[in-house]
Amino acid sequence: PLPMRPGDITRIDDEYIRNGTVSVFCFIQPHTGKIIHAVEPTRTAIDWSEKVKFLVDEVNPDAEKIILVMDNLNTHNTASLYKAFPPEEARRIARKLEIHYTPKHGSWLDIAEIGINIMTRECLNRRIPDIETLRAELKAWNEAYNSAPTEINWQFSNETSRIKLKSLYPDIDRNQELRDQLRQKKSQIK
C-alpha cells in the first residue's frame, strides 16, 4: 500500500480471519482451588455429559454428592445425561449431583467463570492457531496453576448480598410511602 500523503507512515488494513471456535469446559473445586478443564470442538449435551461423568467417576469417585454451580446453558441439566448414556448410567451419575444455576446475568456468582477469567488472562490472551495447540497450552497452564492452588473462600451469602446489592432490592418502606402519597392525591381529586 502507498502512503496517503508523502511523509506519512504506511497504513495497512488488517483483516481478521477466524480459524474457528471451540468450547472450553472449566470446573473448579473450591475446597482445593484446583481447576479442571477440557477443550472440545463442540458444546453439545453429550460433551457436557462426558465431562460430568469424568468429574463423578475420575475426579471425585468417593464423593456421595457433587455440587455443581453453573449457568443456564440448555445442555447443563440431567436430561443431557440421558442423551449420552443408558438410563441406568445416567441415573447413577444424576443421583450424585446437586445442581444450582446462577441467575440470568449472574455469571459473576459462578466460581468457574472466575476461573475462566484467570485462564483467559494468563493463557488465552492471544490467538491460538488450532485445537491441538490450545489443548497443549491449556494443559501446561493447568499443571502450573494446580501445582500451587489456593482454596476458594466464597463469602457471598443472602445477608451480604442485601448489603452489596442494595440497589437491586426494593425498598419496602419507600414503596409504601409512595403508595400512601398516591392514595392521598387520589382522595383529594375526588
Protein backbone atom coordinates (compact mmCIF):
# COMPACT_ATOMS: atom_id res chain seq x y z
CA PRO A 1 0.00 0.00 0.00
CA LEU A 2 1.08 3.54 -0.72
CA PRO A 3 1.14 6.20 1.99
CA MET A 4 -1.82 8.59 1.94
CA ARG A 5 0.49 11.64 1.69
CA PRO A 6 4.22 11.97 1.22
CA GLY A 7 5.88 11.73 4.64
CA ASP A 8 3.02 9.82 6.29
CA ILE A 9 3.58 6.33 7.57
CA THR A 10 2.16 3.46 5.58
CA ARG A 11 -1.19 2.23 6.84
CA ILE A 12 -2.29 -1.31 6.17
CA ASP A 13 -5.76 -2.67 6.68
CA ASP A 14 -5.69 -5.85 8.71
CA GLU A 15 -8.38 -8.41 8.10
CA TYR A 16 -9.40 -10.73 10.91
CA ILE A 17 -9.57 -14.31 9.73
CA ARG A 18 -11.47 -16.59 12.06
CA ASN A 19 -9.94 -20.04 12.35
CA GLY A 20 -12.96 -21.47 14.11
CA THR A 21 -14.27 -21.78 17.63
CA VAL A 22 -14.00 -24.36 20.38
CA SER A 23 -15.63 -24.93 23.74
CA VAL A 24 -13.55 -24.82 26.89
CA PHE A 25 -15.19 -26.62 29.79
CA CYS A 26 -13.95 -25.40 33.17
CA PHE A 27 -14.61 -26.94 36.58
CA ILE A 28 -13.20 -25.58 39.84
CA GLN A 29 -13.04 -27.41 43.13
CA PRO A 30 -13.37 -24.59 45.70
CA HIS A 31 -12.12 -26.73 48.60
CA THR A 32 -8.82 -27.39 46.79
CA GLY A 33 -8.68 -24.44 44.38
CA LYS A 34 -7.81 -26.78 41.53
CA ILE A 35 -9.05 -26.13 38.01
CA ILE A 36 -10.07 -28.93 35.67
CA HIS A 37 -10.57 -28.07 32.03
CA ALA A 38 -11.35 -29.76 28.75
CA VAL A 39 -11.32 -28.47 25.19
CA GLU A 40 -13.85 -29.77 22.69
CA PRO A 41 -14.78 -28.72 19.17
CA THR A 42 -18.46 -28.54 20.21
CA ARG A 43 -20.59 -27.91 23.31
CA THR A 44 -23.35 -30.46 22.97
CA ALA A 45 -25.33 -32.29 25.63
CA ILE A 46 -23.07 -35.30 25.00
CA ASP A 47 -19.90 -33.21 25.52
CA TRP A 48 -21.22 -31.82 28.80
CA SER A 49 -22.37 -35.25 29.99
CA GLU A 50 -18.97 -36.82 29.33
CA LYS A 51 -17.27 -34.08 31.38
CA VAL A 52 -19.70 -34.56 34.26
CA LYS A 53 -19.16 -38.34 34.16
CA PHE A 54 -15.41 -37.66 34.34
CA LEU A 55 -15.99 -35.47 37.43
CA VAL A 56 -18.10 -38.15 39.08
CA ASP A 57 -16.01 -41.22 38.21
CA GLU A 58 -12.43 -39.95 37.92
CA VAL A 59 -12.09 -36.72 39.91
CA ASN A 60 -14.49 -37.44 42.79
CA PRO A 61 -15.12 -41.21 42.81
CA ASP A 62 -15.69 -41.36 46.58
CA ALA A 63 -18.00 -38.35 46.82
CA GLU A 64 -21.56 -39.04 47.85
CA LYS A 65 -22.74 -35.69 46.47
CA ILE A 66 -21.13 -33.30 44.00
CA ILE A 67 -22.47 -29.75 43.98
CA LEU A 68 -22.41 -28.09 40.56
CA VAL A 69 -22.99 -24.35 40.27
CA MET A 70 -23.34 -23.28 36.66
CA ASP A 71 -25.09 -21.09 34.16
CA ASN A 72 -28.37 -21.96 32.48
CA LEU A 73 -26.99 -23.22 29.17
CA ASN A 74 -29.56 -25.55 27.61
CA THR A 75 -27.21 -28.56 27.86
CA HIS A 76 -26.46 -28.06 31.57
CA ASN A 77 -29.05 -30.42 33.01
CA THR A 78 -29.53 -34.05 33.95
CA ALA A 79 -31.63 -34.66 30.82
CA SER A 80 -28.36 -34.38 28.88
CA LEU A 81 -27.04 -37.39 30.78
CA TYR A 82 -29.89 -39.49 29.37
CA LYS A 83 -28.94 -38.41 25.85
CA ALA A 84 -25.38 -39.57 26.40
CA PHE A 85 -25.72 -42.74 28.48
CA PRO A 86 -28.07 -45.66 29.06
CA PRO A 87 -30.78 -44.83 31.64
CA GLU A 88 -29.14 -46.77 34.50
CA GLU A 89 -25.80 -45.00 33.99
CA ALA A 90 -27.44 -41.58 33.59
CA ARG A 91 -29.45 -42.14 36.78
CA ARG A 92 -26.32 -43.24 38.69
CA ILE A 93 -24.50 -40.05 37.69
CA ALA A 94 -27.52 -37.78 38.26
CA ARG A 95 -28.05 -39.13 41.79
CA LYS A 96 -24.59 -37.90 42.76
CA LEU A 97 -25.29 -34.36 41.53
CA GLU A 98 -26.80 -31.38 43.28
CA ILE A 99 -27.20 -28.70 40.62
CA HIS A 100 -27.60 -24.97 41.28
CA TYR A 101 -27.99 -22.46 38.48
CA THR A 102 -26.77 -18.88 38.61
CA PRO A 103 -29.42 -16.27 37.88
CA LYS A 104 -29.60 -14.63 34.48
CA HIS A 105 -26.79 -12.05 34.23
CA GLY A 106 -25.32 -13.58 37.39
CA SER A 107 -22.33 -15.36 35.88
CA TRP A 108 -20.09 -13.44 38.30
CA LEU A 109 -21.58 -15.69 41.02
CA ASP A 110 -20.17 -18.73 39.23
CA ILE A 111 -16.68 -19.55 40.52
CA ALA A 112 -15.90 -21.34 37.24
CA GLU A 113 -16.47 -18.05 35.39
CA ILE A 114 -13.83 -16.51 37.63
CA GLY A 115 -11.53 -19.43 36.76
CA ILE A 116 -12.18 -18.89 33.05
CA ASN A 117 -11.28 -15.22 33.51
CA ILE A 118 -7.96 -16.18 35.14
CA MET A 119 -7.31 -18.76 32.42
CA THR A 120 -8.09 -16.19 29.71
CA ARG A 121 -5.77 -13.53 31.16
CA GLU A 122 -2.89 -15.89 31.84
CA CYS A 123 -3.11 -18.34 28.95
CA LEU A 124 -5.65 -17.42 26.30
CA ASN A 125 -4.70 -13.78 25.79
CA ARG A 126 -3.59 -14.28 22.19
CA ARG A 127 -4.63 -16.07 19.03
CA ILE A 128 -4.07 -19.80 19.13
CA PRO A 129 -3.95 -21.39 15.68
CA ASP A 130 -5.60 -24.77 16.26
CA ILE A 131 -7.28 -27.01 18.81
CA GLU A 132 -4.19 -29.20 19.35
CA THR A 133 -2.07 -26.15 20.26
CA LEU A 134 -4.85 -24.88 22.52
CA ARG A 135 -5.06 -28.21 24.34
CA ALA A 136 -1.27 -28.28 24.83
CA GLU A 137 -1.17 -24.65 26.05
CA LEU A 138 -4.06 -25.16 28.47
CA LYS A 139 -2.60 -28.42 29.77
CA ALA A 140 0.72 -26.71 30.55
CA TRP A 141 -1.02 -23.74 32.15
CA ASN A 142 -3.37 -26.00 34.13
CA GLU A 143 -0.50 -28.08 35.52
CA ALA A 144 1.39 -24.94 36.57
CA TYR A 145 -1.72 -23.39 38.14
CA ASN A 146 -2.69 -26.56 40.01
CA SER A 147 0.85 -27.06 41.37
CA ALA A 148 0.12 -24.34 43.95
CA PRO A 149 -3.67 -23.97 44.15
CA THR A 150 -5.41 -21.72 46.65
CA GLU A 151 -8.61 -22.75 48.39
CA ILE A 152 -11.51 -20.52 47.41
CA ASN A 153 -13.26 -19.00 50.38
CA TRP A 154 -16.59 -17.95 48.88
CA GLN A 155 -18.19 -15.44 51.25
CA PHE A 156 -21.24 -14.31 49.35
CA SER A 157 -24.47 -15.03 51.23
CA ASN A 158 -28.05 -13.74 51.39
CA GLU A 159 -27.08 -11.36 54.17
CA THR A 160 -24.09 -9.89 52.34
CA SER A 161 -26.00 -9.74 49.05
CA ARG A 162 -28.62 -7.46 50.58
CA ILE A 163 -25.83 -5.07 51.60
CA LYS A 164 -23.68 -5.27 48.47
CA LEU A 165 -26.61 -5.30 46.04
CA LYS A 166 -28.84 -2.87 47.91
CA SER A 167 -29.84 -1.06 44.71
CA LEU A 168 -31.36 -4.28 43.32
CA TYR A 169 -33.62 -4.92 46.31
CA PRO A 170 -36.89 -2.99 46.64
CA ASP A 171 -37.17 -0.50 49.49
CA ILE A 172 -40.44 -1.68 51.03
CA ASP A 173 -40.79 1.33 53.36
CA ARG A 174 -40.21 3.78 50.49
CA ASN A 175 -42.66 1.93 48.24
CA GLN A 176 -45.34 2.05 50.96
CA GLU A 177 -44.71 5.76 51.43
CA LEU A 178 -45.21 6.37 47.68
CA ARG A 179 -48.44 4.33 47.67
CA ASP A 180 -49.77 6.37 50.61
CA GLN A 181 -48.97 9.62 48.81
CA LEU A 182 -50.75 8.38 45.67
CA ARG A 183 -53.86 7.42 47.67
CA GLN A 184 -53.86 10.82 49.32
CA LYS A 185 -53.68 12.62 45.95
CA LYS A 186 -56.49 10.45 44.54
CA SER A 187 -58.71 11.25 47.53
CA GLN A 188 -58.04 15.00 47.09
CA ILE A 189 -59.09 14.81 43.43
CA LYS A 190 -62.49 13.30 44.34
